[in-house]
C-alpha atoms as a PDB file:
ATOM      1  CA  MET A   1      15.686 -12.185  11.663  1.00  0.00           C
ATOM      2  CA  SER A   2      12.345 -13.641  11.294  1.00  0.00           C
ATOM      3  CA  LEU A   3       8.985 -12.035  10.803  1.00  0.00           C
ATOM      4  CA  LYS A   4       7.784 -13.380  14.176  1.00  0.00           C
ATOM      5  CA  ASP A   5      10.961 -12.091  15.802  1.00  0.00           C
ATOM      6  CA  LEU A   6      10.329  -8.575  14.201  1.00  0.00           C
ATOM      7  CA  PHE A   7       6.713  -8.767  15.312  1.00  0.00           C
ATOM      8  CA  ASP A   8       7.844  -9.395  18.813  1.00  0.00           C
ATOM      9  CA  ILE A   9      10.321  -6.505  18.912  1.00  0.00           C
ATOM     10  CA  GLY A  10       8.054  -4.011  17.362  1.00  0.00           C
ATOM     11  CA  GLU A  11       5.999  -1.352  19.033  1.00  0.00           C
ATOM     12  CA  GLY A  12       2.158  -0.920  19.375  1.00  0.00           C
ATOM     13  CA  PHE A  13       0.379   1.846  17.443  1.00  0.00           C
ATOM     14  CA  ILE A  14      -0.109   4.170  20.731  1.00  0.00           C
ATOM     15  CA  SER A  15       3.680   3.766  21.483  1.00  0.00           C
ATOM     16  CA  PHE A  16       4.406   4.581  17.913  1.00  0.00           C
ATOM     17  CA  LEU A  17       2.267   7.492  18.044  1.00  0.00           C
ATOM     18  CA  ASP A  18       3.604   8.739  21.192  1.00  0.00           C
ATOM     19  CA  ASN A  19       7.194   8.604  19.783  1.00  0.00           C
ATOM     20  CA  CYS A  20       6.126  10.374  16.749  1.00  0.00           C
ATOM     21  CA  GLU A  21       7.116  14.122  16.235  1.00  0.00           C
ATOM     22  CA  GLU A  22       4.147  16.418  16.898  1.00  0.00           C
ATOM     23  CA  VAL A  23       3.768  17.391  13.426  1.00  0.00           C
ATOM     24  CA  TYR A  24       3.411  13.801  12.231  1.00  0.00           C
ATOM     25  CA  ARG A  25       1.212  12.744  15.152  1.00  0.00           C
ATOM     26  CA  SER A  26      -1.231  15.623  14.414  1.00  0.00           C
ATOM     27  CA  LYS A  27      -1.601  14.404  10.921  1.00  0.00           C
ATOM     28  CA  ILE A  28      -2.152  10.657  12.011  1.00  0.00           C
ATOM     29  CA  LYS A  29      -4.870  11.884  14.652  1.00  0.00           C
ATOM     30  CA  GLU A  30      -6.600  14.057  11.802  1.00  0.00           C
ATOM     31  CA  ILE A  31      -6.736  11.000   9.667  1.00  0.00           C
ATOM     32  CA  MET A  32      -8.148   8.847  12.458  1.00  0.00           C
ATOM     33  CA  GLU A  33     -10.725  11.536  13.266  1.00  0.00           C
ATOM     34  CA  ASN A  34     -12.022  11.782   9.647  1.00  0.00           C
ATOM     35  CA  MET A  35     -11.685   8.057   8.893  1.00  0.00           C
ATOM     36  CA  ASN A  36     -15.080   6.359   7.996  1.00  0.00           C
ATOM     37  CA  ILE A  37     -15.315   2.690   7.797  1.00  0.00           C
ATOM     38  CA  GLU A  38     -18.725   1.525   6.607  1.00  0.00           C
ATOM     39  CA  GLU A  39     -21.132  -0.525   9.138  1.00  0.00           C
ATOM     40  CA  ASN A  40     -21.113  -3.828   6.897  1.00  0.00           C
ATOM     41  CA  THR A  41     -17.178  -3.633   6.876  1.00  0.00           C
ATOM     42  CA  GLU A  42     -17.159  -3.163  10.610  1.00  0.00           C
ATOM     43  CA  SER A  43     -19.307  -6.113  10.747  1.00  0.00           C
ATOM     44  CA  ARG A  44     -16.913  -8.265   8.830  1.00  0.00           C
ATOM     45  CA  ILE A  45     -14.088  -7.112  10.866  1.00  0.00           C
ATOM     46  CA  ARG A  46     -15.947  -7.999  14.077  1.00  0.00           C
ATOM     47  CA  ASN A  47     -16.501 -11.634  12.754  1.00  0.00           C
ATOM     48  CA  ILE A  48     -13.007 -12.477  12.055  1.00  0.00           C
ATOM     49  CA  ASP A  49     -12.592 -15.475  14.327  1.00  0.00           C
ATOM     50  CA  LYS A  50      -8.997 -16.325  13.779  1.00  0.00           C
ATOM     51  CA  ASN A  51      -5.809 -14.643  15.065  1.00  0.00           C
ATOM     52  CA  ILE A  52      -4.093 -12.460  12.759  1.00  0.00           C
ATOM     53  CA  ASN A  53      -0.751 -10.804  13.239  1.00  0.00           C
ATOM     54  CA  ILE A  54       0.090  -7.689  11.223  1.00  0.00           C
ATOM     55  CA  LEU A  55       3.752  -6.594  10.887  1.00  0.00           C
ATOM     56  CA  ALA A  56       3.879  -3.043   9.945  1.00  0.00           C
ATOM     57  CA  PHE A  57       7.158  -1.491   8.289  1.00  0.00           C
ATOM     58  CA  ALA A  58       6.533   2.189   8.619  1.00  0.00           C
ATOM     59  CA  GLU A  59       8.087   5.519   9.633  1.00  0.00           C
ATOM     60  CA  ALA A  60       6.341   8.511  11.117  1.00  0.00           C
ATOM     61  CA  TRP A  61       7.539  10.983   8.548  1.00  0.00           C
ATOM     62  CA  CYS A  62       6.031   9.075   5.689  1.00  0.00           C
ATOM     63  CA  PRO A  63       2.662  10.358   4.195  1.00  0.00           C
ATOM     64  CA  ASP A  64       1.535   7.113   3.087  1.00  0.00           C
ATOM     65  CA  CYS A  65       2.382   5.598   6.556  1.00  0.00           C
ATOM     66  CA  GLN A  66       0.340   8.586   8.189  1.00  0.00           C
ATOM     67  CA  ILE A  67      -2.616   7.933   6.029  1.00  0.00           C
ATOM     68  CA  ASN A  68      -2.601   3.762   6.317  1.00  0.00           C
ATOM     69  CA  LEU A  69      -1.651   3.123   9.761  1.00  0.00           C
ATOM     70  CA  PRO A  70      -4.909   4.565  11.262  1.00  0.00           C
ATOM     71  CA  PRO A  71      -7.229   2.200   9.545  1.00  0.00           C
ATOM     72  CA  VAL A  72      -5.115  -0.937  10.169  1.00  0.00           C
ATOM     73  CA  TYR A  73      -5.251   0.167  13.979  1.00  0.00           C
ATOM     74  CA  THR A  74      -8.834   0.296  13.776  1.00  0.00           C
ATOM     75  CA  LEU A  75      -8.867  -3.236  12.664  1.00  0.00           C
ATOM     76  CA  THR A  76      -7.184  -4.039  16.116  1.00  0.00           C
ATOM     77  CA  GLN A  77      -9.785  -1.959  17.815  1.00  0.00           C
ATOM     78  CA  LEU A  78     -12.702  -3.683  16.394  1.00  0.00           C
ATOM     79  CA  ASN A  79     -11.403  -7.221  16.833  1.00  0.00           C
ATOM     80  CA  GLU A  80      -8.981  -8.232  19.506  1.00  0.00           C
ATOM     81  CA  ASN A  81      -7.873 -11.406  17.306  1.00  0.00           C
ATOM     82  CA  ILE A  82      -6.201  -8.564  15.227  1.00  0.00           C
ATOM     83  CA  LYS A  83      -2.549  -7.720  16.623  1.00  0.00           C
ATOM     84  CA  LEU A  84      -0.442  -4.966  15.009  1.00  0.00           C
ATOM     85  CA  SER A  85       3.317  -4.336  15.394  1.00  0.00           C
ATOM     86  CA  ILE A  86       5.306  -1.715  14.111  1.00  0.00           C
ATOM     87  CA  VAL A  87       9.043  -1.792  13.095  1.00  0.00           C
ATOM     88  CA  PRO A  88      11.166   0.843  11.015  1.00  0.00           C
ATOM     89  CA  ARG A  89      12.067   0.266   7.541  1.00  0.00           C
ATOM     90  CA  GLU A  90      15.567   1.514   8.137  1.00  0.00           C
ATOM     91  CA  GLY A  91      17.534  -1.556   9.216  1.00  0.00           C
ATOM     92  CA  ASN A  92      14.959  -4.080   8.276  1.00  0.00           C
ATOM     93  CA  GLU A  93      15.370  -3.785   4.373  1.00  0.00           C
ATOM     94  CA  GLU A  94      16.067  -7.443   4.345  1.00  0.00           C
ATOM     95  CA  ALA A  95      12.909  -8.527   5.523  1.00  0.00           C
ATOM     96  CA  LEU A  96      11.187  -6.515   3.059  1.00  0.00           C
ATOM     97  CA  SER A  97      13.093  -7.905   0.092  1.00  0.00           C
ATOM     98  CA  LYS A  98       9.840  -9.972  -1.111  1.00  0.00           C
ATOM     99  CA  TYR A  99       7.770  -6.775  -1.242  1.00  0.00           C
ATOM    100  CA  LYS A 100      10.003  -4.210  -3.033  1.00  0.00           C
ATOM    101  CA  VAL A 101       8.184  -2.056  -5.834  1.00  0.00           C
ATOM    102  CA  ASN A 102      10.609  -1.420  -8.626  1.00  0.00           C
ATOM    103  CA  GLY A 103      13.530  -2.765  -6.823  1.00  0.00           C
ATOM    104  CA  LYS A 104      12.804  -0.588  -3.319  1.00  0.00           C
ATOM    105  CA  PRO A 105      11.311  -1.318  -0.070  1.00  0.00           C
ATOM    106  CA  LYS A 106       8.025   0.688   0.201  1.00  0.00           C
ATOM    107  CA  ILE A 107       6.382   2.013   3.229  1.00  0.00           C
ATOM    108  CA  PRO A 108       4.111   1.175   4.786  1.00  0.00           C
ATOM    109  CA  THR A 109       4.320  -2.488   3.916  1.00  0.00           C
ATOM    110  CA  PHE A 110       1.824  -4.461   6.164  1.00  0.00           C
ATOM    111  CA  ILE A 111       2.556  -8.149   6.304  1.00  0.00           C
ATOM    112  CA  ILE A 112      -0.463 -10.081   7.390  1.00  0.00           C
ATOM    113  CA  MET A 113       0.066 -13.350   9.022  1.00  0.00           C
ATOM    114  CA  ASP A 114      -1.906 -16.004  10.673  1.00  0.00           C
ATOM    115  CA  ALA A 115      -1.486 -17.190  14.389  1.00  0.00           C
ATOM    116  CA  GLU A 116       1.665 -19.109  13.522  1.00  0.00           C
ATOM    117  CA  PHE A 117       3.259 -16.409  11.563  1.00  0.00           C
ATOM    118  CA  ASN A 118       2.438 -17.876   7.979  1.00  0.00           C
ATOM    119  CA  VAL A 119       2.258 -15.161   5.600  1.00  0.00           C
ATOM    120  CA  LEU A 120      -1.321 -14.509   4.230  1.00  0.00           C
ATOM    121  CA  GLY A 121      -0.360 -11.746   1.961  1.00  0.00           C
ATOM    122  CA  ALA A 122       0.948  -8.031   2.131  1.00  0.00           C
ATOM    123  CA  PHE A 123      -0.382  -4.684   1.500  1.00  0.00           C
ATOM    124  CA  VAL A 124       2.286  -2.439   0.162  1.00  0.00           C
ATOM    125  CA  GLU A 125       2.276   1.470   0.312  1.00  0.00           C
ATOM    126  CA  ILE A 126      -1.255   2.371  -0.973  1.00  0.00           C
ATOM    127  CA  PRO A 127      -4.551   0.716  -1.514  1.00  0.00           C
ATOM    128  CA  ASN A 128      -5.329  -1.327  -4.772  1.00  0.00           C
ATOM    129  CA  ILE A 129      -7.945   1.093  -5.873  1.00  0.00           C
ATOM    130  CA  ILE A 130      -5.381   3.826  -5.956  1.00  0.00           C
ATOM    131  CA  LYS A 131      -2.982   1.500  -7.934  1.00  0.00           C
ATOM    132  CA  GLU A 132      -5.619   0.851 -10.539  1.00  0.00           C
ATOM    133  CA  VAL A 133      -6.427   4.580 -11.128  1.00  0.00           C
ATOM    134  CA  VAL A 134      -2.435   5.409 -11.675  1.00  0.00           C
ATOM    135  CA  THR A 135      -2.420   2.388 -14.049  1.00  0.00           C
ATOM    136  CA  ARG A 136      -5.150   3.747 -16.295  1.00  0.00           C
ATOM    137  CA  GLY A 137      -2.971   6.787 -16.809  1.00  0.00           C
ATOM    138  CA  ASN A 138      -5.860   9.346 -16.723  1.00  0.00           C
ATOM    139  CA  GLN A 139      -3.957  12.425 -15.231  1.00  0.00           C
ATOM    140  CA  PRO A 140      -7.153  14.540 -14.091  1.00  0.00           C
ATOM    141  CA  GLU A 141      -8.556  11.278 -12.343  1.00  0.00           C
ATOM    142  CA  ILE A 142      -5.005  10.523 -10.751  1.00  0.00           C
ATOM    143  CA  ILE A 143      -4.807  14.110  -9.412  1.00  0.00           C
ATOM    144  CA  VAL A 144      -8.247  14.114  -7.746  1.00  0.00           C
ATOM    145  CA  THR A 145      -7.955  10.465  -6.720  1.00  0.00           C
ATOM    146  CA  LYS A 146      -4.369  11.429  -4.774  1.00  0.00           C
ATOM    147  CA  ARG A 147      -5.974  14.538  -3.300  1.00  0.00           C
ATOM    148  CA  LYS A 148      -8.885  12.719  -1.909  1.00  0.00           C
ATOM    149  CA  TYR A 149      -6.185   9.835  -0.726  1.00  0.00           C
ATOM    150  CA  ARG A 150      -4.155  12.288   1.031  1.00  0.00           C
ATOM    151  CA  LYS A 151      -7.131  13.605   2.997  1.00  0.00           C
ATOM    152  CA  GLY A 152      -7.840   9.968   4.377  1.00  0.00           C
ATOM    153  CA  GLU A 153     -10.803   9.295   1.942  1.00  0.00           C
ATOM    154  CA  TYR A 154      -9.409   5.903   0.901  1.00  0.00           C
ATOM    155  CA  CYS A 155      -9.035   4.511   4.261  1.00  0.00           C
ATOM    156  CA  LYS A 156     -11.842   2.303   3.825  1.00  0.00           C
ATOM    157  CA  ASP A 157     -10.163   0.670   0.953  1.00  0.00           C
ATOM    158  CA  THR A 158      -7.055   0.069   2.929  1.00  0.00           C
ATOM    159  CA  VAL A 159      -9.179  -1.840   5.383  1.00  0.00           C
ATOM    160  CA  LEU A 160     -10.991  -3.620   2.630  1.00  0.00           C
ATOM    161  CA  ASP A 161      -7.678  -4.713   0.978  1.00  0.00           C
ATOM    162  CA  ILE A 162      -6.416  -6.208   4.240  1.00  0.00           C
ATOM    163  CA  ILE A 163      -9.466  -8.193   5.107  1.00  0.00           C
ATOM    164  CA  LYS A 164      -9.447  -9.573   1.703  1.00  0.00           C
ATOM    165  CA  ILE A 165      -5.876 -10.707   2.417  1.00  0.00           C
ATOM    166  CA  ILE A 166      -7.296 -12.248   5.911  1.00  0.00           C
ATOM    167  CA  GLY A 167     -10.110 -13.904   3.902  1.00  0.00           C
ATOM    168  CA  GLN A 168     -12.965 -12.313   5.267  1.00  0.00           C
END
């Protein structure tokens, strides 16, 4: 199945949220309420003048999905040119084969595409800033960073990583 086909059969964020178990829905809502996107970043998002399609491979039970779906949804709320469609990882592993980490499909994986569904890039699992901290290997820094990440303090970095892929 093509990425466009998957995009077409996927569900929107609100539908995804409505279909979540309450424990996951409340975590996603908590992240949304505490998320802080800087004004200049909001302006960059609003200035995107091309159609962008984001195909998300996500599962409600996944903590990284709970953290990273809200900022991606925010992109769609700030700019109607950006569309989001969510499909489960399960059953779609083949579509994720190019984006595996250590041989495994990771979620969330956001595949960012242009209006014709040409792939511009992908965001896999966590923001780049978290990957950089982990790569440095400083355990106290990793622990502190991951605690902040789990609270949603790096949602702005998810947004920045994606608008960088978009080219904005």
